[in-house]
Amino acid sequence: MLTLDHITVIAPSLAEGVAHVRDCLRLEVPFGATHDYMGTHNHRLRLGGAVYLEIVAWDPEGIPPGRARWFGLDDQAQVRSDWAEGRRLRGWVAGTADMTGLLSAHPGTFGEEVPLPPADPSFAFAIPADGSLPLKGAAPSIIDRRGAPEPMGAIPDLGAQLRAFTLEHPDPAAIEALYRDLAIDHPPVIVQGPKVRYRAEIETPSGLRALT
């Protein structure tokens, strides 16, 4: 079974990502980490339970990772295009305890297992060879935390709670079938739409707000 690990705002820059979330949620999401092994960096916010929001972007001061970055961040033209279309909450990450079995059952969908950080791996992430989002973002990226859940105490809690998560897709039936096959626990609700587009309803101290 796959479980929702976190949802991702994929931004052209961290400043733009943080500003967008601030506009949507009226919350200032604190800095998270620099991913020296991936040439990216992020801000993070707890969304209740073991789920969180990640704002992730290419790190202009980072070291090139020697392989494709995750979340499609090597294709900055596409990231900027999606951003301009208002598709900013662009994906989500699902956790598994059997990365090898999952990738074997769905060859070509999620990419290859990449142990991270490379020098001393503590988790594995599935990344396509070109770094693109699985099924243009309709399928989750996959993480295997190797039995050591993300320490939620390290992620800021500003009183936000994820209440609903929706995916627009031109072929809802196909994605629903994939989600059933993946045995996803509480997947996004899928509705008809012209492009992959996510919406999260998040309860905040100032009320229920939408993140897109």
N, C-alpha and C. Protein backbone atom coordinates (compact mmCIF):
# COMPACT_ATOMS: atom_id res chain seq x y z
N MET A 1 0.84 -1.20 0.00
CA MET A 1 0.00 0.00 0.00
C MET A 1 0.88 1.25 0.00
N LEU A 2 0.47 2.25 -0.76
CA LEU A 2 1.14 3.54 -0.77
C LEU A 2 0.39 4.52 0.13
N THR A 3 1.13 5.40 0.77
CA THR A 3 0.53 6.41 1.63
C THR A 3 0.99 7.79 1.21
N LEU A 4 0.14 8.78 1.41
CA LEU A 4 0.50 10.16 1.11
C LEU A 4 1.60 10.60 2.06
N ASP A 5 2.73 11.01 1.48
CA ASP A 5 3.87 11.47 2.27
C ASP A 5 3.87 13.01 2.32
N HIS A 6 3.88 13.64 1.14
CA HIS A 6 3.78 15.10 1.11
C HIS A 6 3.32 15.59 -0.25
N ILE A 7 2.85 16.83 -0.28
CA ILE A 7 2.43 17.47 -1.52
C ILE A 7 3.47 18.52 -1.87
N THR A 8 3.62 18.81 -3.18
CA THR A 8 4.76 19.61 -3.62
C THR A 8 4.34 20.79 -4.49
N VAL A 9 4.77 21.97 -4.07
CA VAL A 9 4.75 23.15 -4.93
C VAL A 9 6.12 23.20 -5.61
N ILE A 10 6.13 23.11 -6.93
CA ILE A 10 7.38 23.09 -7.70
C ILE A 10 7.55 24.47 -8.31
N ALA A 11 8.53 25.21 -7.81
CA ALA A 11 8.64 26.64 -8.10
C ALA A 11 9.87 26.96 -8.95
N PRO A 12 9.78 28.02 -9.77
CA PRO A 12 10.97 28.48 -10.50
C PRO A 12 12.07 28.97 -9.56
N SER A 13 11.67 29.48 -8.39
CA SER A 13 12.62 29.88 -7.36
C SER A 13 11.93 29.72 -6.02
N LEU A 14 12.73 29.57 -4.97
CA LEU A 14 12.13 29.43 -3.64
C LEU A 14 11.34 30.67 -3.26
N ALA A 15 11.87 31.84 -3.61
CA ALA A 15 11.18 33.08 -3.25
C ALA A 15 9.78 33.13 -3.86
N GLU A 16 9.66 32.71 -5.12
CA GLU A 16 8.35 32.70 -5.77
C GLU A 16 7.43 31.67 -5.13
N GLY A 17 7.99 30.51 -4.79
CA GLY A 17 7.18 29.47 -4.16
C GLY A 17 6.65 29.90 -2.81
N VAL A 18 7.51 30.48 -2.00
CA VAL A 18 7.10 30.93 -0.67
C VAL A 18 6.06 32.04 -0.78
N ALA A 19 6.25 32.96 -1.73
CA ALA A 19 5.29 34.04 -1.92
C ALA A 19 3.93 33.51 -2.35
N HIS A 20 3.92 32.50 -3.22
CA HIS A 20 2.66 31.92 -3.68
C HIS A 20 1.90 31.27 -2.51
N VAL A 21 2.61 30.50 -1.70
CA VAL A 21 1.95 29.85 -0.57
C VAL A 21 1.47 30.90 0.43
N ARG A 22 2.26 31.93 0.62
CA ARG A 22 1.83 33.01 1.50
C ARG A 22 0.53 33.63 1.00
N ASP A 23 0.46 33.88 -0.29
CA ASP A 23 -0.76 34.47 -0.86
C ASP A 23 -1.95 33.54 -0.70
N CYS A 24 -1.72 32.23 -0.86
CA CYS A 24 -2.82 31.26 -0.78
C CYS A 24 -3.26 30.99 0.66
N LEU A 25 -2.29 30.79 1.54
CA LEU A 25 -2.59 30.29 2.88
C LEU A 25 -2.45 31.33 3.98
N ARG A 26 -1.87 32.48 3.64
CA ARG A 26 -1.58 33.51 4.66
C ARG A 26 -0.63 32.96 5.73
N LEU A 27 0.30 32.12 5.30
CA LEU A 27 1.30 31.55 6.19
C LEU A 27 2.68 31.73 5.56
N GLU A 28 3.66 31.99 6.41
CA GLU A 28 5.05 32.13 5.97
C GLU A 28 5.76 30.82 6.23
N VAL A 29 5.99 30.04 5.19
CA VAL A 29 6.58 28.71 5.35
C VAL A 29 8.09 28.83 5.55
N PRO A 30 8.62 28.29 6.65
CA PRO A 30 10.05 28.42 6.94
C PRO A 30 10.93 27.58 6.01
N PHE A 31 12.20 27.98 5.95
CA PHE A 31 13.19 27.23 5.18
C PHE A 31 13.32 25.81 5.72
N GLY A 32 13.56 24.89 4.80
CA GLY A 32 13.72 23.50 5.18
C GLY A 32 15.16 23.03 5.10
N ALA A 33 15.63 22.75 3.88
CA ALA A 33 16.97 22.17 3.74
C ALA A 33 17.51 22.45 2.35
N THR A 34 18.82 22.33 2.24
CA THR A 34 19.51 22.33 0.96
C THR A 34 19.86 20.88 0.63
N HIS A 35 19.50 20.45 -0.57
CA HIS A 35 19.78 19.07 -1.00
C HIS A 35 21.07 19.09 -1.83
N ASP A 36 22.21 18.95 -1.15
CA ASP A 36 23.49 19.00 -1.85
C ASP A 36 23.62 17.90 -2.90
N TYR A 37 22.93 16.79 -2.68
CA TYR A 37 23.00 15.64 -3.58
C TYR A 37 22.08 15.78 -4.79
N MET A 38 21.23 16.82 -4.81
CA MET A 38 20.26 16.94 -5.89
C MET A 38 20.26 18.34 -6.51
N GLY A 39 21.01 19.27 -5.96
CA GLY A 39 21.06 20.62 -6.52
C GLY A 39 19.76 21.38 -6.35
N THR A 40 19.03 21.09 -5.28
CA THR A 40 17.75 21.74 -5.01
C THR A 40 17.69 22.16 -3.54
N HIS A 41 16.65 22.92 -3.20
CA HIS A 41 16.42 23.29 -1.80
C HIS A 41 14.93 23.47 -1.59
N ASN A 42 14.51 23.57 -0.30
CA ASN A 42 13.07 23.58 -0.07
C ASN A 42 12.69 24.38 1.18
N HIS A 43 11.40 24.63 1.32
CA HIS A 43 10.74 25.07 2.55
C HIS A 43 9.68 24.02 2.84
N ARG A 44 9.35 23.83 4.14
CA ARG A 44 8.39 22.79 4.50
C ARG A 44 7.43 23.27 5.59
N LEU A 45 6.24 22.65 5.57
CA LEU A 45 5.17 23.01 6.50
C LEU A 45 4.35 21.77 6.82
N ARG A 46 4.12 21.49 8.09
CA ARG A 46 3.28 20.36 8.47
C ARG A 46 1.82 20.63 8.10
N LEU A 47 1.14 19.54 7.68
CA LEU A 47 -0.27 19.64 7.30
C LEU A 47 -1.14 18.68 8.11
N GLY A 48 -0.67 18.29 9.29
CA GLY A 48 -1.43 17.37 10.12
C GLY A 48 -0.96 15.95 9.96
N GLY A 49 -0.91 15.23 11.06
CA GLY A 49 -0.46 13.84 11.01
C GLY A 49 0.96 13.74 10.51
N ALA A 50 1.18 12.81 9.56
CA ALA A 50 2.51 12.61 9.00
C ALA A 50 2.63 13.19 7.60
N VAL A 51 1.77 14.16 7.27
CA VAL A 51 1.74 14.77 5.93
C VAL A 51 2.28 16.19 6.02
N TYR A 52 3.01 16.61 4.99
CA TYR A 52 3.51 17.98 4.97
C TYR A 52 3.52 18.55 3.56
N LEU A 53 3.71 19.85 3.49
CA LEU A 53 3.84 20.58 2.23
C LEU A 53 5.32 20.88 2.01
N GLU A 54 5.78 20.64 0.79
CA GLU A 54 7.13 21.01 0.40
C GLU A 54 7.06 22.02 -0.74
N ILE A 55 7.79 23.11 -0.60
CA ILE A 55 8.05 24.04 -1.70
C ILE A 55 9.47 23.75 -2.16
N VAL A 56 9.64 23.31 -3.39
CA VAL A 56 10.95 22.87 -3.85
C VAL A 56 11.33 23.63 -5.12
N ALA A 57 12.63 23.93 -5.26
CA ALA A 57 13.12 24.68 -6.42
C ALA A 57 14.58 24.31 -6.68
N TRP A 58 14.98 24.58 -7.91
CA TRP A 58 16.40 24.49 -8.29
C TRP A 58 17.19 25.43 -7.40
N ASP A 59 18.33 24.97 -6.90
CA ASP A 59 19.20 25.81 -6.08
C ASP A 59 20.27 26.43 -6.98
N PRO A 60 20.20 27.74 -7.25
CA PRO A 60 21.17 28.34 -8.17
C PRO A 60 22.60 28.31 -7.65
N GLU A 61 22.76 28.08 -6.35
CA GLU A 61 24.10 27.99 -5.77
C GLU A 61 24.50 26.54 -5.49
N GLY A 62 23.65 25.61 -5.88
CA GLY A 62 23.90 24.21 -5.61
C GLY A 62 24.92 23.60 -6.57
N ILE A 63 25.40 22.44 -6.19
CA ILE A 63 26.34 21.68 -7.01
C ILE A 63 25.54 20.78 -7.97
N PRO A 64 25.84 20.80 -9.27
CA PRO A 64 25.14 19.90 -10.19
C PRO A 64 25.24 18.46 -9.70
N PRO A 65 24.11 17.74 -9.68
CA PRO A 65 24.11 16.41 -9.05
C PRO A 65 24.72 15.29 -9.90
N GLY A 66 25.00 15.55 -11.16
CA GLY A 66 25.56 14.49 -11.99
C GLY A 66 24.51 13.53 -12.51
N ARG A 67 23.26 13.86 -12.29
CA ARG A 67 22.14 13.09 -12.81
C ARG A 67 20.95 14.04 -12.87
N ALA A 68 19.84 13.57 -13.43
CA ALA A 68 18.65 14.42 -13.49
C ALA A 68 18.15 14.75 -12.09
N ARG A 69 17.78 16.01 -11.88
CA ARG A 69 17.17 16.40 -10.62
C ARG A 69 15.75 15.83 -10.54
N TRP A 70 15.23 15.74 -9.31
CA TRP A 70 13.87 15.28 -9.12
C TRP A 70 12.87 16.38 -9.43
N PHE A 71 11.59 16.01 -9.52
CA PHE A 71 10.46 16.92 -9.72
C PHE A 71 10.54 17.71 -11.02
N GLY A 72 11.26 17.19 -12.01
CA GLY A 72 11.32 17.87 -13.30
C GLY A 72 12.06 19.20 -13.27
N LEU A 73 12.88 19.43 -12.27
CA LEU A 73 13.47 20.75 -12.08
C LEU A 73 14.60 21.06 -13.05
N ASP A 74 15.09 20.07 -13.81
CA ASP A 74 16.07 20.39 -14.85
C ASP A 74 15.42 21.14 -16.00
N ASP A 75 14.15 20.90 -16.23
CA ASP A 75 13.43 21.56 -17.33
C ASP A 75 12.81 22.85 -16.80
N GLN A 76 13.64 23.87 -16.64
CA GLN A 76 13.18 25.12 -16.07
C GLN A 76 12.16 25.83 -16.95
N ALA A 77 12.23 25.62 -18.26
CA ALA A 77 11.23 26.22 -19.15
C ALA A 77 9.85 25.64 -18.87
N GLN A 78 9.79 24.33 -18.62
CA GLN A 78 8.50 23.70 -18.30
C GLN A 78 8.01 24.13 -16.92
N VAL A 79 8.93 24.22 -15.96
CA VAL A 79 8.54 24.68 -14.63
C VAL A 79 7.94 26.07 -14.71
N ARG A 80 8.58 26.95 -15.48
CA ARG A 80 8.09 28.32 -15.63
C ARG A 80 6.75 28.35 -16.36
N SER A 81 6.60 27.50 -17.38
CA SER A 81 5.34 27.44 -18.12
C SER A 81 4.19 26.98 -17.23
N ASP A 82 4.43 25.92 -16.46
CA ASP A 82 3.40 25.43 -15.53
C ASP A 82 3.06 26.52 -14.51
N TRP A 83 4.06 27.21 -14.03
CA TRP A 83 3.86 28.27 -13.05
C TRP A 83 2.98 29.36 -13.63
N ALA A 84 3.28 29.77 -14.86
CA ALA A 84 2.51 30.83 -15.50
C ALA A 84 1.06 30.43 -15.73
N GLU A 85 0.81 29.13 -15.90
CA GLU A 85 -0.55 28.62 -16.08
C GLU A 85 -1.30 28.47 -14.76
N GLY A 86 -0.63 28.76 -13.65
CA GLY A 86 -1.25 28.59 -12.34
C GLY A 86 -1.20 27.17 -11.83
N ARG A 87 -0.41 26.33 -12.47
CA ARG A 87 -0.25 24.94 -12.01
C ARG A 87 1.02 24.90 -11.15
N ARG A 88 0.85 25.24 -9.90
CA ARG A 88 1.98 25.44 -9.00
C ARG A 88 2.09 24.33 -7.96
N LEU A 89 0.96 23.90 -7.46
CA LEU A 89 0.92 22.65 -6.70
C LEU A 89 0.93 21.54 -7.74
N ARG A 90 2.12 21.02 -8.06
CA ARG A 90 2.27 20.21 -9.26
C ARG A 90 2.35 18.71 -9.02
N GLY A 91 2.40 18.30 -7.77
CA GLY A 91 2.50 16.86 -7.58
C GLY A 91 2.46 16.48 -6.13
N TRP A 92 2.73 15.20 -5.90
CA TRP A 92 2.75 14.68 -4.54
C TRP A 92 3.66 13.48 -4.49
N VAL A 93 4.05 13.14 -3.28
CA VAL A 93 4.97 12.03 -3.05
C VAL A 93 4.27 10.99 -2.19
N ALA A 94 4.37 9.74 -2.62
CA ALA A 94 3.77 8.62 -1.88
C ALA A 94 4.85 7.74 -1.31
N GLY A 95 4.62 7.26 -0.10
CA GLY A 95 5.59 6.39 0.55
C GLY A 95 5.29 4.93 0.31
N THR A 96 6.35 4.14 0.19
CA THR A 96 6.24 2.70 0.05
C THR A 96 7.27 2.03 0.94
N ALA A 97 7.00 0.79 1.31
CA ALA A 97 7.98 -0.02 2.03
C ALA A 97 8.62 -1.04 1.11
N ASP A 98 8.26 -1.00 -0.20
CA ASP A 98 8.80 -1.98 -1.15
C ASP A 98 9.02 -1.28 -2.49
N MET A 99 10.03 -0.44 -2.52
CA MET A 99 10.34 0.28 -3.75
C MET A 99 10.64 -0.67 -4.91
N THR A 100 11.45 -1.68 -4.66
CA THR A 100 11.85 -2.61 -5.73
C THR A 100 10.64 -3.31 -6.34
N GLY A 101 9.75 -3.80 -5.49
CA GLY A 101 8.57 -4.48 -5.99
C GLY A 101 7.65 -3.55 -6.77
N LEU A 102 7.48 -2.35 -6.27
CA LEU A 102 6.62 -1.39 -6.94
C LEU A 102 7.14 -1.03 -8.32
N LEU A 103 8.44 -0.75 -8.42
CA LEU A 103 9.01 -0.38 -9.71
C LEU A 103 8.99 -1.55 -10.69
N SER A 104 9.16 -2.76 -10.18
CA SER A 104 9.10 -3.94 -11.05
C SER A 104 7.70 -4.15 -11.60
N ALA A 105 6.68 -3.83 -10.79
CA ALA A 105 5.30 -4.02 -11.21
C ALA A 105 4.83 -2.93 -12.17
N HIS A 106 5.52 -1.79 -12.18
CA HIS A 106 5.12 -0.67 -13.03
C HIS A 106 6.33 -0.11 -13.77
N PRO A 107 6.95 -0.92 -14.63
CA PRO A 107 8.15 -0.46 -15.34
C PRO A 107 7.84 0.74 -16.23
N GLY A 108 8.73 1.71 -16.19
CA GLY A 108 8.58 2.87 -17.06
C GLY A 108 7.70 3.97 -16.51
N THR A 109 7.03 3.74 -15.39
CA THR A 109 6.12 4.76 -14.86
C THR A 109 6.81 5.72 -13.91
N PHE A 110 7.60 5.19 -12.98
CA PHE A 110 8.14 6.02 -11.90
C PHE A 110 9.63 6.29 -12.02
N GLY A 111 10.32 5.59 -12.91
CA GLY A 111 11.76 5.78 -13.03
C GLY A 111 12.52 4.71 -12.29
N GLU A 112 13.75 5.06 -11.89
CA GLU A 112 14.62 4.09 -11.22
C GLU A 112 14.83 4.48 -9.77
N GLU A 113 15.14 3.49 -8.96
CA GLU A 113 15.39 3.72 -7.55
C GLU A 113 16.75 4.40 -7.37
N VAL A 114 16.74 5.52 -6.68
CA VAL A 114 17.98 6.28 -6.45
C VAL A 114 18.20 6.40 -4.94
N PRO A 115 19.19 5.71 -4.37
CA PRO A 115 19.47 5.84 -2.94
C PRO A 115 20.05 7.24 -2.65
N LEU A 116 19.54 7.88 -1.60
CA LEU A 116 19.95 9.24 -1.26
C LEU A 116 20.12 9.40 0.24
N PRO A 117 21.04 10.27 0.67
CA PRO A 117 22.15 10.85 -0.10
C PRO A 117 23.09 9.73 -0.58
N PRO A 118 23.74 9.89 -1.72
CA PRO A 118 24.52 8.79 -2.30
C PRO A 118 25.62 8.26 -1.38
N ALA A 119 26.27 9.13 -0.62
CA ALA A 119 27.39 8.70 0.21
C ALA A 119 26.94 7.86 1.41
N ASP A 120 25.77 8.15 1.92
CA ASP A 120 25.25 7.44 3.10
C ASP A 120 23.74 7.43 3.04
N PRO A 121 23.16 6.56 2.20
CA PRO A 121 21.71 6.61 1.94
C PRO A 121 20.87 6.35 3.18
N SER A 122 19.86 7.20 3.36
CA SER A 122 18.88 7.00 4.42
C SER A 122 17.48 6.78 3.86
N PHE A 123 17.31 7.03 2.56
CA PHE A 123 16.04 6.78 1.90
C PHE A 123 16.30 6.57 0.42
N ALA A 124 15.28 6.17 -0.30
CA ALA A 124 15.38 6.01 -1.75
C ALA A 124 14.23 6.75 -2.40
N PHE A 125 14.50 7.32 -3.57
CA PHE A 125 13.51 8.08 -4.32
C PHE A 125 13.51 7.56 -5.75
N ALA A 126 12.33 7.41 -6.33
CA ALA A 126 12.23 6.96 -7.72
C ALA A 126 12.26 8.18 -8.64
N ILE A 127 13.22 8.20 -9.55
CA ILE A 127 13.39 9.34 -10.45
C ILE A 127 13.54 8.84 -11.88
N PRO A 128 12.68 9.30 -12.82
CA PRO A 128 12.87 8.94 -14.22
C PRO A 128 14.22 9.42 -14.74
N ALA A 129 14.70 8.80 -15.79
CA ALA A 129 16.03 9.14 -16.33
C ALA A 129 16.15 10.61 -16.69
N ASP A 130 15.04 11.20 -17.16
CA ASP A 130 15.07 12.61 -17.52
C ASP A 130 14.61 13.52 -16.39
N GLY A 131 14.30 12.93 -15.23
CA GLY A 131 13.89 13.71 -14.07
C GLY A 131 12.45 14.18 -14.08
N SER A 132 11.70 13.83 -15.10
CA SER A 132 10.34 14.33 -15.25
C SER A 132 9.40 13.77 -14.20
N LEU A 133 8.27 14.45 -14.01
CA LEU A 133 7.25 13.97 -13.09
C LEU A 133 6.56 12.73 -13.68
N PRO A 134 6.29 11.72 -12.88
CA PRO A 134 5.63 10.52 -13.40
C PRO A 134 4.26 10.84 -14.00
N LEU A 135 4.06 10.39 -15.24
CA LEU A 135 2.81 10.63 -15.97
C LEU A 135 2.45 12.13 -15.93
N LYS A 136 3.45 12.97 -16.15
CA LYS A 136 3.28 14.43 -16.17
C LYS A 136 2.71 14.96 -14.86
N GLY A 137 2.96 14.22 -13.79
CA GLY A 137 2.51 14.65 -12.47
C GLY A 137 1.24 13.98 -11.99
N ALA A 138 0.58 13.22 -12.85
CA ALA A 138 -0.67 12.56 -12.44
C ALA A 138 -0.41 11.39 -11.50
N ALA A 139 0.74 10.76 -11.64
CA ALA A 139 1.15 9.70 -10.72
C ALA A 139 2.09 10.31 -9.69
N PRO A 140 2.08 9.77 -8.48
CA PRO A 140 2.97 10.32 -7.45
C PRO A 140 4.42 9.96 -7.71
N SER A 141 5.32 10.79 -7.21
CA SER A 141 6.70 10.35 -7.05
C SER A 141 6.73 9.39 -5.86
N ILE A 142 7.71 8.50 -5.85
CA ILE A 142 7.73 7.45 -4.84
C ILE A 142 8.97 7.58 -3.95
N ILE A 143 8.73 7.46 -2.65
CA ILE A 143 9.82 7.49 -1.67
C ILE A 143 9.73 6.26 -0.78
N ASP A 144 10.89 5.72 -0.45
CA ASP A 144 10.99 4.63 0.52
C ASP A 144 11.91 5.13 1.63
N ARG A 145 11.34 5.37 2.79
CA ARG A 145 12.12 5.91 3.91
C ARG A 145 12.83 4.83 4.71
N ARG A 146 12.76 3.61 4.22
CA ARG A 146 13.52 2.49 4.78
C ARG A 146 13.26 2.29 6.27
N GLY A 147 11.98 2.38 6.61
CA GLY A 147 11.58 2.08 7.98
C GLY A 147 11.85 3.17 8.99
N ALA A 148 12.33 4.33 8.52
CA ALA A 148 12.60 5.46 9.42
C ALA A 148 11.77 6.65 8.98
N PRO A 149 10.55 6.79 9.49
CA PRO A 149 9.67 7.87 9.04
C PRO A 149 10.30 9.24 9.22
N GLU A 150 9.89 10.16 8.37
CA GLU A 150 10.37 11.54 8.47
C GLU A 150 10.05 12.07 9.88
N PRO A 151 11.03 12.62 10.58
CA PRO A 151 10.76 13.16 11.92
C PRO A 151 9.93 14.44 11.83
N MET A 152 8.64 14.31 12.08
CA MET A 152 7.74 15.44 11.87
C MET A 152 8.05 16.61 12.81
N GLY A 153 8.70 16.32 13.93
CA GLY A 153 9.06 17.40 14.83
C GLY A 153 10.03 18.39 14.22
N ALA A 154 10.73 17.97 13.15
CA ALA A 154 11.68 18.86 12.49
C ALA A 154 11.01 19.77 11.45
N ILE A 155 9.71 19.54 11.20
CA ILE A 155 8.99 20.34 10.22
C ILE A 155 8.08 21.31 10.95
N PRO A 156 8.14 22.59 10.63
CA PRO A 156 7.35 23.59 11.36
C PRO A 156 5.85 23.30 11.30
N ASP A 157 5.19 23.50 12.43
CA ASP A 157 3.75 23.34 12.55
C ASP A 157 3.15 24.72 12.83
N LEU A 158 2.46 25.28 11.83
CA LEU A 158 1.84 26.60 11.96
C LEU A 158 0.33 26.50 12.07
N GLY A 159 -0.15 25.30 12.42
CA GLY A 159 -1.59 25.11 12.61
C GLY A 159 -2.36 24.80 11.35
N ALA A 160 -1.68 24.36 10.28
CA ALA A 160 -2.35 24.03 9.02
C ALA A 160 -2.72 22.54 8.99
N GLN A 161 -3.87 22.24 8.38
CA GLN A 161 -4.35 20.87 8.26
C GLN A 161 -4.89 20.64 6.86
N LEU A 162 -4.40 19.60 6.20
CA LEU A 162 -4.91 19.25 4.87
C LEU A 162 -6.30 18.66 5.02
N ARG A 163 -7.30 19.26 4.36
CA ARG A 163 -8.68 18.79 4.46
C ARG A 163 -9.13 18.05 3.20
N ALA A 164 -8.63 18.43 2.03
CA ALA A 164 -9.03 17.79 0.78
C ALA A 164 -7.93 17.98 -0.25
N PHE A 165 -7.82 17.00 -1.15
CA PHE A 165 -6.78 17.02 -2.17
C PHE A 165 -7.41 16.50 -3.46
N THR A 166 -7.39 17.33 -4.51
CA THR A 166 -8.10 17.01 -5.75
C THR A 166 -7.17 17.11 -6.95
N LEU A 167 -7.35 16.20 -7.89
CA LEU A 167 -6.60 16.19 -9.14
C LEU A 167 -7.57 16.32 -10.31
N GLU A 168 -7.35 17.31 -11.17
CA GLU A 168 -8.04 17.38 -12.46
C GLU A 168 -7.19 16.63 -13.48
N HIS A 169 -7.87 15.83 -14.33
CA HIS A 169 -7.14 15.06 -15.35
C HIS A 169 -8.07 14.80 -16.54
N PRO A 170 -7.54 14.80 -17.76
CA PRO A 170 -8.41 14.57 -18.92
C PRO A 170 -8.97 13.15 -19.01
N ASP A 171 -8.36 12.19 -18.33
CA ASP A 171 -8.85 10.81 -18.34
C ASP A 171 -8.94 10.29 -16.91
N PRO A 172 -9.93 10.74 -16.16
CA PRO A 172 -10.03 10.34 -14.75
C PRO A 172 -10.09 8.83 -14.54
N ALA A 173 -10.79 8.13 -15.43
CA ALA A 173 -10.95 6.68 -15.24
C ALA A 173 -9.61 5.96 -15.26
N ALA A 174 -8.72 6.37 -16.16
CA ALA A 174 -7.41 5.72 -16.25
C ALA A 174 -6.58 5.97 -15.00
N ILE A 175 -6.61 7.17 -14.48
CA ILE A 175 -5.84 7.48 -13.28
C ILE A 175 -6.45 6.80 -12.06
N GLU A 176 -7.78 6.76 -11.99
CA GLU A 176 -8.42 6.04 -10.88
C GLU A 176 -8.02 4.57 -10.89
N ALA A 177 -7.95 3.97 -12.09
CA ALA A 177 -7.55 2.57 -12.20
C ALA A 177 -6.11 2.37 -11.73
N LEU A 178 -5.24 3.31 -12.10
CA LEU A 178 -3.85 3.23 -11.65
C LEU A 178 -3.77 3.34 -10.13
N TYR A 179 -4.50 4.28 -9.55
CA TYR A 179 -4.47 4.45 -8.11
C TYR A 179 -4.98 3.20 -7.40
N ARG A 180 -6.02 2.56 -7.96
CA ARG A 180 -6.52 1.32 -7.35
C ARG A 180 -5.46 0.23 -7.42
N ASP A 181 -4.79 0.13 -8.57
CA ASP A 181 -3.76 -0.89 -8.75
C ASP A 181 -2.59 -0.65 -7.79
N LEU A 182 -2.30 0.61 -7.51
CA LEU A 182 -1.22 0.95 -6.60
C LEU A 182 -1.62 0.79 -5.13
N ALA A 183 -2.92 0.59 -4.90
CA ALA A 183 -3.44 0.46 -3.53
C ALA A 183 -3.04 1.67 -2.68
N ILE A 184 -3.39 2.86 -3.18
CA ILE A 184 -3.06 4.09 -2.49
C ILE A 184 -4.08 4.36 -1.39
N ASP A 185 -3.57 4.63 -0.21
CA ASP A 185 -4.43 4.98 0.92
C ASP A 185 -4.78 6.46 0.83
N HIS A 186 -6.08 6.76 0.73
CA HIS A 186 -6.57 8.14 0.62
C HIS A 186 -5.90 8.91 -0.52
N PRO A 187 -6.08 8.46 -1.77
CA PRO A 187 -5.50 9.19 -2.91
C PRO A 187 -6.26 10.48 -3.17
N PRO A 188 -5.71 11.35 -4.02
CA PRO A 188 -6.46 12.53 -4.42
C PRO A 188 -7.79 12.14 -5.07
N VAL A 189 -8.80 12.96 -4.87
CA VAL A 189 -10.06 12.79 -5.60
C VAL A 189 -9.83 13.28 -7.02
N ILE A 190 -10.25 12.49 -8.01
CA ILE A 190 -9.96 12.82 -9.40
C ILE A 190 -11.22 13.31 -10.08
N VAL A 191 -11.11 14.43 -10.78
CA VAL A 191 -12.23 15.00 -11.53
C VAL A 191 -11.76 15.32 -12.95
N GLN A 192 -12.73 15.49 -13.84
CA GLN A 192 -12.41 15.79 -15.24
C GLN A 192 -11.84 17.19 -15.36
N GLY A 193 -10.80 17.32 -16.19
CA GLY A 193 -10.21 18.62 -16.45
C GLY A 193 -9.29 18.52 -17.65
N PRO A 194 -8.95 19.64 -18.29
CA PRO A 194 -8.16 19.60 -19.52
C PRO A 194 -6.70 19.24 -19.30
N LYS A 195 -6.15 19.52 -18.12
CA LYS A 195 -4.74 19.26 -17.84
C LYS A 195 -4.60 18.77 -16.40
N VAL A 196 -3.43 18.21 -16.11
CA VAL A 196 -3.13 17.83 -14.74
C VAL A 196 -3.07 19.11 -13.89
N ARG A 197 -3.94 19.16 -12.89
CA ARG A 197 -4.01 20.34 -12.04
C ARG A 197 -4.47 19.91 -10.65
N TYR A 198 -3.70 20.27 -9.64
CA TYR A 198 -4.02 19.90 -8.27
C TYR A 198 -4.58 21.09 -7.49
N ARG A 199 -5.39 20.75 -6.50
CA ARG A 199 -5.94 21.73 -5.58
C ARG A 199 -6.00 21.10 -4.20
N ALA A 200 -5.48 21.80 -3.21
CA ALA A 200 -5.55 21.32 -1.83
C ALA A 200 -6.35 22.30 -1.00
N GLU A 201 -7.30 21.78 -0.26
CA GLU A 201 -8.05 22.60 0.70
C GLU A 201 -7.37 22.43 2.05
N ILE A 202 -6.91 23.53 2.61
CA ILE A 202 -6.10 23.50 3.82
C ILE A 202 -6.72 24.41 4.87
N GLU A 203 -6.99 23.84 6.03
CA GLU A 203 -7.49 24.63 7.16
C GLU A 203 -6.31 25.35 7.80
N THR A 204 -6.43 26.64 7.96
CA THR A 204 -5.37 27.44 8.55
C THR A 204 -5.94 28.23 9.74
N PRO A 205 -5.10 28.86 10.54
CA PRO A 205 -5.61 29.67 11.63
C PRO A 205 -6.52 30.81 11.17
N SER A 206 -6.42 31.20 9.89
CA SER A 206 -7.29 32.28 9.38
C SER A 206 -8.46 31.74 8.57
N GLY A 207 -8.65 30.40 8.57
CA GLY A 207 -9.78 29.82 7.87
C GLY A 207 -9.37 28.81 6.81
N LEU A 208 -10.37 28.26 6.12
CA LEU A 208 -10.12 27.27 5.07
C LEU A 208 -9.65 27.98 3.81
N ARG A 209 -8.53 27.56 3.27
CA ARG A 209 -7.95 28.21 2.10
C ARG A 209 -7.53 27.17 1.07
N ALA A 210 -7.41 27.62 -0.17
CA ALA A 210 -7.07 26.73 -1.28
C ALA A 210 -5.65 27.00 -1.77
N LEU A 211 -4.93 25.91 -2.00
CA LEU A 211 -3.59 25.98 -2.58
C LEU A 211 -3.63 25.30 -3.93
N THR A 212 -3.18 26.00 -4.98
CA THR A 212 -3.21 25.46 -6.34
C THR A 212 -1.82 25.58 -6.98
